[in-house]
Protein backbone atom coordinates (compact mmCIF):
# COMPACT_ATOMS: atom_id res chain seq x y z
CA MET A 1 17.91 1.99 26.81
CA SER A 2 16.47 3.92 23.86
CA GLU A 3 17.14 3.22 20.19
CA THR A 4 19.90 5.25 18.53
CA VAL A 5 19.82 3.68 15.05
CA PHE A 6 17.36 3.91 12.17
CA THR A 7 17.51 2.06 8.88
CA TYR A 8 16.56 3.02 5.34
CA ALA A 9 16.19 0.94 2.19
CA ALA A 10 14.51 1.37 -1.18
CA PRO A 11 14.38 -0.31 -4.58
CA ALA A 12 16.21 1.09 -7.56
CA LEU A 13 13.87 3.55 -9.26
CA LYS A 14 13.18 4.49 -12.87
CA PHE A 15 10.57 7.26 -13.20
CA GLY A 16 8.96 9.04 -16.13
CA SER A 17 6.65 8.71 -19.12
CA GLY A 18 8.02 6.00 -21.38
CA ALA A 19 10.03 4.29 -18.64
CA SER A 20 8.02 1.07 -19.08
CA ALA A 21 9.37 0.70 -22.62
CA GLU A 22 12.85 0.04 -21.22
CA ILE A 23 12.01 -2.96 -19.04
CA GLY A 24 13.49 -5.49 -21.45
CA HIS A 25 16.85 -3.79 -21.07
CA ASP A 26 16.44 -3.70 -17.29
CA LEU A 27 15.55 -7.39 -16.98
CA ALA A 28 18.40 -8.40 -19.28
CA SER A 29 20.79 -6.50 -17.03
CA TYR A 30 19.79 -8.86 -14.19
CA GLY A 31 20.69 -11.86 -16.36
CA ALA A 32 17.06 -12.84 -16.87
CA ARG A 33 16.09 -15.14 -19.71
CA ARG A 34 12.70 -16.52 -18.62
CA VAL A 35 10.34 -13.98 -17.05
CA LEU A 36 6.97 -14.41 -15.33
CA LEU A 37 4.71 -11.40 -15.91
CA VAL A 38 2.00 -11.02 -13.23
CA THR A 39 -1.09 -8.86 -13.82
CA ASP A 40 -4.86 -8.79 -13.38
CA PRO A 41 -7.66 -9.04 -15.98
CA GLY A 42 -8.58 -5.37 -15.81
CA VAL A 43 -5.03 -4.18 -16.34
CA ALA A 44 -4.52 -6.82 -19.05
CA ALA A 45 -7.52 -5.31 -20.88
CA THR A 46 -5.73 -1.95 -21.14
CA GLY A 47 -3.06 -3.55 -23.32
CA HIS A 48 -0.19 -2.31 -21.18
CA PRO A 49 1.02 -5.78 -20.05
CA ALA A 50 0.94 -7.18 -23.60
CA ARG A 51 2.85 -4.18 -24.94
CA ILE A 52 5.46 -4.47 -22.19
CA ALA A 53 5.76 -8.24 -22.75
CA GLU A 54 6.34 -7.67 -26.46
CA GLN A 55 9.04 -5.09 -25.75
CA VAL A 56 10.72 -7.55 -23.37
CA THR A 57 10.66 -10.38 -25.92
CA VAL A 58 12.28 -8.10 -28.51
CA ARG A 59 15.29 -8.18 -26.20
CA GLY A 60 15.43 -11.95 -26.56
CA LEU A 61 13.75 -12.85 -23.27
CA GLU A 62 10.89 -15.34 -22.94
CA VAL A 63 7.78 -14.03 -21.15
CA THR A 64 5.00 -16.12 -19.60
CA THR A 65 1.97 -14.10 -18.44
CA TYR A 66 -0.26 -14.83 -15.47
CA ALA A 67 -3.31 -12.55 -15.75
CA GLY A 68 -5.40 -14.12 -13.01
CA VAL A 69 -4.57 -11.76 -10.13
CA HIS A 70 -7.52 -11.15 -7.80
CA VAL A 71 -8.12 -7.49 -6.97
CA GLU A 72 -7.49 -7.39 -3.20
CA PRO A 73 -5.61 -10.73 -3.05
CA THR A 74 -6.82 -13.59 -0.89
CA ASP A 75 -5.00 -16.63 0.43
CA ASP A 76 -6.81 -18.68 -2.23
CA SER A 77 -5.90 -16.33 -5.09
CA LEU A 78 -2.25 -16.27 -4.03
CA ARG A 79 -2.16 -20.06 -3.91
CA ASP A 80 -3.61 -20.16 -7.43
CA ALA A 81 -0.91 -17.78 -8.69
CA VAL A 82 1.85 -19.76 -6.98
CA ALA A 83 0.55 -23.03 -8.43
CA PHE A 84 0.56 -21.50 -11.94
CA ALA A 85 4.13 -20.27 -11.49
CA ARG A 86 5.37 -23.60 -10.15
CA ASP A 87 3.81 -25.44 -13.10
CA ALA A 88 5.01 -22.96 -15.73
CA GLY A 89 8.48 -22.34 -14.30
CA PRO A 90 11.25 -22.23 -13.55
CA PHE A 91 11.77 -18.49 -14.09
CA ASP A 92 14.73 -16.28 -13.34
CA ALA A 93 12.88 -12.98 -12.87
CA VAL A 94 9.38 -11.76 -12.00
CA LEU A 95 7.69 -8.73 -13.58
CA ALA A 96 4.57 -7.21 -11.97
CA VAL A 97 2.41 -4.87 -14.04
CA GLY A 98 -0.63 -3.47 -12.25
CA GLY A 99 -1.80 -2.04 -8.96
CA GLY A 100 -0.91 -3.16 -5.49
CA SER A 101 -2.81 -6.41 -5.98
CA SER A 102 -0.59 -7.47 -8.90
CA ILE A 103 2.61 -6.36 -7.21
CA ASP A 104 1.71 -8.08 -3.93
CA THR A 105 0.77 -11.27 -5.79
CA ALA A 106 4.12 -11.16 -7.58
CA LYS A 107 5.89 -10.84 -4.21
CA ALA A 108 4.12 -13.93 -2.89
CA VAL A 109 4.86 -15.88 -6.07
CA ASN A 110 8.51 -14.86 -5.91
CA LEU A 111 8.76 -15.95 -2.28
CA LEU A 112 6.98 -19.29 -2.66
CA THR A 113 8.70 -20.38 -5.87
CA THR A 114 12.16 -19.80 -4.40
CA ASN A 115 11.62 -20.98 -0.82
CA PRO A 116 10.19 -24.13 0.77
CA GLY A 117 6.87 -24.28 2.56
CA GLU A 118 3.42 -22.85 1.99
CA LEU A 119 1.74 -19.48 2.27
CA MET A 120 0.78 -19.55 5.95
CA ASP A 121 4.36 -20.37 6.90
CA TYR A 122 5.27 -16.79 5.96
CA VAL A 123 2.13 -14.81 6.90
CA ASN A 124 2.61 -12.45 9.85
CA ALA A 125 1.94 -13.77 13.36
CA PRO A 126 -0.38 -14.41 15.09
CA ILE A 127 -2.37 -15.42 11.98
CA GLY A 128 0.55 -17.19 10.30
CA ARG A 129 3.92 -18.49 11.41
CA ALA A 130 5.99 -15.45 10.30
CA GLN A 131 8.81 -17.61 8.94
CA ALA A 132 11.68 -15.74 7.27
CA PRO A 133 12.83 -16.75 3.77
CA SER A 134 15.79 -19.12 3.84
CA ALA A 135 16.85 -18.73 0.18
CA PRO A 136 17.34 -15.69 -2.07
CA LEU A 137 14.41 -14.45 -4.12
CA LEU A 138 14.48 -13.68 -7.86
CA PRO A 139 14.84 -10.14 -9.22
CA LEU A 140 11.40 -8.50 -9.12
CA VAL A 141 10.57 -5.52 -11.33
CA ALA A 142 7.40 -3.72 -10.22
CA VAL A 143 5.49 -1.49 -12.64
CA PRO A 144 2.55 0.26 -10.94
CA THR A 145 -0.45 1.20 -13.09
CA THR A 146 -2.30 2.87 -10.21
CA THR A 147 -1.06 5.80 -8.17
CA GLY A 148 -1.40 4.89 -4.56
CA THR A 149 -0.37 1.62 -3.02
CA GLY A 150 3.38 2.18 -2.88
CA ALA A 151 3.73 -1.61 -3.24
CA GLU A 152 6.60 -1.07 -5.68
CA SER A 153 8.66 0.34 -2.78
CA THR A 154 7.69 -1.82 0.16
CA THR A 155 8.56 -5.10 1.84
CA ILE A 156 4.92 -6.08 2.34
CA CYS A 157 2.43 -8.38 0.62
CA VAL A 158 -1.17 -7.86 1.79
CA LEU A 159 -3.88 -10.53 1.60
CA ASP A 160 -7.29 -11.56 2.92
CA VAL A 161 -7.43 -14.86 4.78
CA LEU A 162 -10.92 -15.90 3.75
CA SER A 163 -11.64 -18.46 6.45
CA LEU A 164 -10.90 -15.90 9.18
CA GLN A 165 -12.34 -12.85 7.37
CA VAL A 166 -9.18 -10.94 8.20
CA LYS A 167 -6.70 -8.98 6.14
CA THR A 168 -3.06 -9.55 7.03
CA GLY A 169 0.24 -9.78 5.23
CA ILE A 170 3.75 -11.05 4.77
CA SER A 171 6.52 -8.66 5.73
CA HIS A 172 10.21 -9.18 5.10
CA PRO A 173 12.96 -7.09 3.47
CA ALA A 174 13.50 -9.83 0.87
CA LEU A 175 10.07 -9.02 -0.63
CA ARG A 176 11.06 -5.47 -1.62
CA PRO A 177 11.17 -5.17 -5.43
CA THR A 178 14.59 -4.93 -7.04
CA LEU A 179 13.46 -2.16 -9.38
CA ALA A 180 10.41 0.11 -9.41
CA VAL A 181 9.50 1.40 -12.87
CA VAL A 182 7.02 4.26 -12.46
CA ASP A 183 5.55 5.36 -15.79
CA PRO A 184 2.79 7.95 -15.19
CA SER A 185 1.35 7.39 -18.67
CA LEU A 186 0.11 3.96 -17.51
CA THR A 187 -2.25 5.55 -14.96
CA VAL A 188 -4.37 7.61 -17.36
CA THR A 189 -6.89 4.76 -17.69
CA GLN A 190 -7.72 4.79 -13.94
CA PRO A 191 -11.43 5.41 -13.21
CA ALA A 192 -12.18 8.41 -10.97
CA MET A 193 -13.05 6.36 -7.88
CA VAL A 194 -9.89 4.28 -8.26
CA THR A 195 -7.89 7.51 -8.43
CA ALA A 196 -9.70 8.82 -5.35
CA ALA A 197 -9.25 5.68 -3.27
CA ALA A 198 -5.66 5.07 -4.34
CA GLY A 199 -4.86 8.74 -3.78
CA MET A 200 -6.13 8.51 -0.20
CA ASP A 201 -3.76 5.59 0.26
CA ILE A 202 -0.89 7.86 -0.84
CA LEU A 203 -2.08 10.55 1.53
CA CYS A 204 -2.39 8.22 4.50
CA HIS A 205 0.99 6.63 3.76
CA ALA A 206 2.55 10.07 4.02
CA LEU A 207 0.53 11.16 7.05
CA GLU A 208 1.05 7.94 8.99
CA SER A 209 4.76 7.91 8.18
CA TRP A 210 5.06 11.57 9.24
CA THR A 211 3.14 11.03 12.51
CA ALA A 212 4.59 7.60 13.35
CA ARG A 213 6.35 7.02 16.63
CA TRP A 214 9.85 8.53 16.45
CA TYR A 215 12.51 5.87 15.93
CA ALA A 216 14.47 6.92 19.05
CA ASP A 217 11.39 6.44 21.25
CA PHE A 218 11.55 2.67 20.76
CA ASP A 219 13.64 0.39 22.96
CA ALA A 220 17.08 -0.37 21.55
CA LYS A 221 17.19 -3.40 19.24
CA ARG A 222 19.86 -5.94 18.48
CA PRO A 223 20.89 -6.14 14.80
CA GLU A 224 18.84 -9.28 14.19
CA GLN A 225 15.72 -7.60 15.64
CA ARG A 226 15.58 -4.75 13.15
CA VAL A 227 12.39 -4.61 11.10
CA PRO A 228 11.52 -2.65 7.93
CA TYR A 229 9.22 -0.31 9.90
CA CYS A 230 11.57 1.51 12.26
CA GLY A 231 9.46 4.59 13.05
CA ALA A 232 9.55 8.18 11.84
CA ASN A 233 13.07 9.34 11.04
CA PRO A 234 14.75 12.23 9.21
CA VAL A 235 14.99 10.48 5.82
CA ALA A 236 11.41 9.19 5.78
CA ASP A 237 10.20 12.62 6.95
CA MET A 238 11.68 14.24 3.86
CA TRP A 239 9.73 11.94 1.52
CA ALA A 240 6.49 12.31 3.49
CA GLU A 241 6.57 16.12 3.47
CA LYS A 242 7.21 16.27 -0.25
CA ALA A 243 4.41 13.80 -0.96
CA LEU A 244 1.95 15.91 1.05
CA THR A 245 3.01 19.06 -0.80
CA LEU A 246 2.47 17.41 -4.18
CA LEU A 247 -0.94 16.03 -3.19
CA ALA A 248 -2.14 19.41 -2.00
CA GLY A 249 -1.63 20.78 -5.50
CA VAL A 250 -3.03 18.05 -7.74
CA PHE A 251 -5.18 15.46 -5.97
CA ARG A 252 -8.57 17.03 -6.69
CA ASP A 253 -7.53 17.80 -10.29
CA ALA A 254 -6.46 14.20 -10.93
CA VAL A 255 -9.83 12.86 -9.74
CA ARG A 256 -11.81 15.47 -11.68
CA ASP A 257 -9.95 14.98 -14.97
CA GLY A 258 -8.34 11.60 -15.55
CA GLY A 259 -6.74 12.89 -18.73
CA ASP A 260 -4.80 15.63 -16.94
CA ARG A 261 -1.35 14.22 -17.60
CA ALA A 262 0.46 16.81 -15.51
CA ALA A 263 -1.71 15.94 -12.49
CA ARG A 264 -1.21 12.21 -13.16
CA GLU A 265 2.56 12.64 -13.20
CA GLN A 266 2.52 14.55 -9.92
CA MET A 267 0.26 11.92 -8.34
CA ALA A 268 2.67 9.22 -9.47
CA MET A 269 5.55 11.19 -7.99
CA ALA A 270 3.64 11.64 -4.72
CA ALA A 271 2.91 7.90 -4.58
CA THR A 272 6.58 7.12 -5.11
CA PHE A 273 7.74 9.59 -2.48
CA ALA A 274 5.19 8.40 0.07
CA GLY A 275 6.21 4.79 -0.59
CA LEU A 276 9.87 5.61 -0.05
CA GLY A 277 8.89 7.15 3.28
CA PHE A 278 6.38 4.76 4.80
CA GLY A 279 8.26 1.73 3.47
CA ASN A 280 10.76 2.50 6.22
CA ALA A 281 9.01 4.59 8.88
CA GLY A 282 5.82 2.53 8.82
CA VAL A 283 2.09 3.17 9.01
CA HIS A 284 -0.19 2.85 12.00
CA ILE A 285 -3.83 3.13 13.11
CA PRO A 286 -5.66 3.96 9.84
CA HIS A 287 -3.96 1.03 8.09
CA ALA A 288 -4.55 -1.33 11.03
CA ASN A 289 -8.25 -0.39 10.98
CA ALA A 290 -8.43 -0.80 7.20
CA TYR A 291 -7.66 -4.51 7.35
CA PRO A 292 -10.93 -5.58 9.05
CA ILE A 293 -12.94 -2.92 7.15
CA ALA A 294 -11.85 -4.49 3.86
CA GLY A 295 -11.86 -8.07 5.13
CA ARG A 296 -15.42 -8.06 6.51
CA VAL A 297 -17.22 -6.23 3.69
CA ARG A 298 -20.67 -7.62 2.87
CA ASP A 299 -22.31 -5.90 -0.08
CA TYR A 300 -20.60 -2.60 -0.93
CA HIS A 301 -19.69 -2.36 -4.63
CA PRO A 302 -17.72 0.82 -5.41
CA GLU A 303 -17.91 2.45 -8.81
CA GLY A 304 -14.99 1.53 -11.06
CA TYR A 305 -14.21 -1.74 -9.27
CA PRO A 306 -15.07 -5.24 -10.53
CA GLU A 307 -16.89 -6.64 -7.50
CA VAL A 308 -18.06 -6.20 -3.92
CA MET A 309 -15.20 -4.75 -1.86
CA VAL A 310 -13.99 -1.81 0.16
CA PRO A 311 -10.83 -0.88 -1.78
CA HIS A 312 -7.73 -0.66 0.36
CA GLY A 313 -7.18 3.09 0.06
CA MET A 314 -10.84 3.77 0.82
CA ALA A 315 -10.73 1.46 3.83
CA VAL A 316 -7.68 3.31 5.14
CA ALA A 317 -9.28 6.72 4.63
CA LEU A 318 -12.59 5.95 6.34
CA THR A 319 -11.17 6.06 9.88
CA ALA A 320 -8.21 8.35 9.19
CA PRO A 321 -9.83 11.61 10.38
CA GLU A 322 -10.74 10.13 13.76
CA ALA A 323 -7.47 8.22 14.05
CA PHE A 324 -5.52 11.45 13.65
CA ARG A 325 -7.80 13.19 16.13
CA PHE A 326 -6.83 10.43 18.59
CA THR A 327 -3.07 10.67 17.90
CA PHE A 328 -2.99 14.51 17.93
CA GLU A 329 -1.92 14.82 21.56
CA ALA A 330 1.17 12.66 20.97
CA ALA A 331 2.68 15.17 18.52
CA PRO A 332 0.50 18.27 18.05
CA GLU A 333 3.09 20.16 16.02
CA ARG A 334 3.42 17.34 13.49
CA HIS A 335 -0.33 17.07 13.00
CA VAL A 336 -0.69 20.83 12.54
CA HIS A 337 2.23 20.98 10.11
CA ALA A 338 0.76 18.14 8.01
CA ALA A 339 -2.66 19.79 7.94
CA ARG A 340 -1.16 23.08 6.77
CA LEU A 341 0.87 21.40 4.05
CA LEU A 342 -2.48 20.19 2.69
CA ASP A 343 -4.37 23.41 3.44
CA PRO A 344 -2.51 26.53 4.65
CA ALA A 345 -5.72 27.75 6.31
CA ALA A 346 -6.07 24.66 8.51
CA GLU A 347 -6.72 25.39 12.18
CA ALA A 348 -4.07 24.66 14.77
CA GLY A 349 -6.07 22.41 17.10
CA SER A 350 -6.98 18.73 17.12
CA ASP A 351 -9.79 19.36 14.61
CA GLY A 352 -7.42 20.75 11.97
CA LEU A 353 -6.21 17.61 10.23
CA PRO A 354 -9.53 15.72 10.55
CA THR A 355 -11.35 18.67 8.95
CA VAL A 356 -8.85 18.92 6.08
CA LEU A 357 -9.25 15.19 5.43
CA THR A 358 -13.05 15.11 5.54
CA ASP A 359 -13.27 18.14 3.24
CA LEU A 360 -10.99 16.38 0.76
CA MET A 361 -12.85 13.07 1.00
CA ARG A 362 -16.14 14.85 0.29
CA ASP A 363 -14.66 16.71 -2.68
CA ILE A 364 -13.31 13.57 -4.36
CA GLY A 365 -16.49 11.54 -3.87
CA LEU A 366 -15.49 9.04 -1.18
CA PRO A 367 -18.17 7.51 1.08
CA SER A 368 -19.20 9.71 4.01
CA GLY A 369 -18.21 7.12 6.58
CA LEU A 370 -18.33 3.47 7.58
CA ALA A 371 -22.13 3.44 7.53
CA GLU A 372 -22.16 4.13 3.80
CA VAL A 373 -20.09 1.01 3.09
CA GLY A 374 -22.36 -1.17 5.21
CA TYR A 375 -21.09 -1.04 8.80
CA GLY A 376 -22.97 -0.10 11.96
CA GLU A 377 -22.72 -0.09 15.73
CA ALA A 378 -23.21 -3.86 15.86
CA ASP A 379 -20.00 -4.33 13.86
CA VAL A 380 -17.70 -2.29 16.11
CA ASP A 381 -16.51 -5.12 18.34
CA ASP A 382 -15.74 -7.28 15.31
CA LEU A 383 -13.83 -4.44 13.62
CA VAL A 384 -11.81 -3.83 16.79
CA ALA A 385 -11.00 -7.53 17.03
CA GLY A 386 -9.60 -7.40 13.50
CA ALA A 387 -7.62 -4.22 14.10
CA VAL A 388 -5.91 -5.44 17.28
CA GLN A 389 -4.44 -8.35 15.33
CA GLN A 390 -2.35 -5.80 13.40
CA GLN A 391 0.19 -5.31 16.18
CA ARG A 392 3.03 -4.78 13.69
CA LEU A 393 1.24 -1.60 12.61
CA LEU A 394 -0.18 -0.49 15.93
CA ALA A 395 3.30 -0.62 17.47
CA THR A 396 4.24 2.27 15.19
CA ALA A 397 1.41 4.52 16.40
CA PRO A 398 2.63 7.63 18.25
CA ARG A 399 -0.05 7.01 20.89
CA SER A 400 -0.84 3.39 21.73
CA PRO A 401 -4.57 2.69 21.43
CA THR A 402 -6.52 0.44 23.77
CA GLU A 403 -9.40 -1.62 22.40
CA GLU A 404 -11.75 1.04 23.81
CA ASP A 405 -9.81 3.73 21.92
CA LEU A 406 -10.13 1.81 18.68
CA ALA A 407 -13.85 1.27 19.30
CA SER A 408 -14.26 5.02 19.74
CA VAL A 409 -12.43 5.69 16.47
CA PHE A 410 -14.68 3.23 14.61
CA ARG A 411 -17.86 4.68 16.16
CA ARG A 412 -16.91 8.25 15.36
CA SER A 413 -16.13 7.19 11.80
CA MET A 414 -19.62 5.93 11.00
CA GLU A 415 -20.56 9.32 9.50
CA HIS A 416 -18.10 12.15 8.85
CA TRP A 417 -20.61 14.50 7.23
């Protein structure tokens, strides 16, 4: 029997320049008195977290700041953040100011300071035990300072498990922020490569949501079996299409001129829309592949980032052209429509969307393929082994890949141009 039901959920949203100045009012409305602010050193250096904390304290709330977030969180960095929160608490609300790393760290802190157990109890199977929270979480207000991750809208916390060299996550509806405060003025300080990588994350969120397996093509579920990622559906489609339309108009401009406030605002809107879509429909092969690409990096140090890493959005983008070439036959009309939203002159065949993506990636300065970030033929089997662990994501693909299919996608992604 086929599924007949889809679900949709989203945080409350406050959007616009200056929205971050109102967070004290928002937190007070949740009855908060002691607030944990979670951010990373780079974002802290911009002054945004301190300014927001001051505006919150003016409302009579007490703010304790944790500025030790690791960019691309690891199991160790999340444990450090949780230990800080347990020692400094109790708190009655959590405030995340930063990119996806800060927001995901805040989700983990919120979960593990309100529920029993340790991190691996909640990490997705088969790596962790995939335990569901047994107690309510605190109100979480998420304030993104990068335009891309969509973490302010989603139920997911992503992390690297260092001992296994694998990227995985925690996924549960309870992790979704209570309120997303999207203030485009906070993103003006993003370096060009951060804008490029994060923007590709927006783009792939929208494309993967739009091309995901249709919700009614899954087997019927019982109520207790429903998961946040339910497949493409009419509501998520609306958000994905609008995100693609916005990106087509401003993505290159935002990378070229970080001070273009109109482009920044449209990028922030696109990120929000894409998050509202994929946070329900789901993502698939490019994101599954991104986990081992980021988790097994050796010596690639991208411009604008603090250390050796393949940033998440870049890792997603590197196999996206070949992933969409592989999924084309499952829904040709959807792939063609997406390509033409990005470029009206895109061709109608299986090369259309891959060509649009590689042209864009070249224009915004992303690496030319996996080889440029340090991978080669000898790494393919290891990358496939990491990708196949992401069954929660691969289940949403419109065409189910075998290990040989994934190997082909990785090989063809070594050099795009």
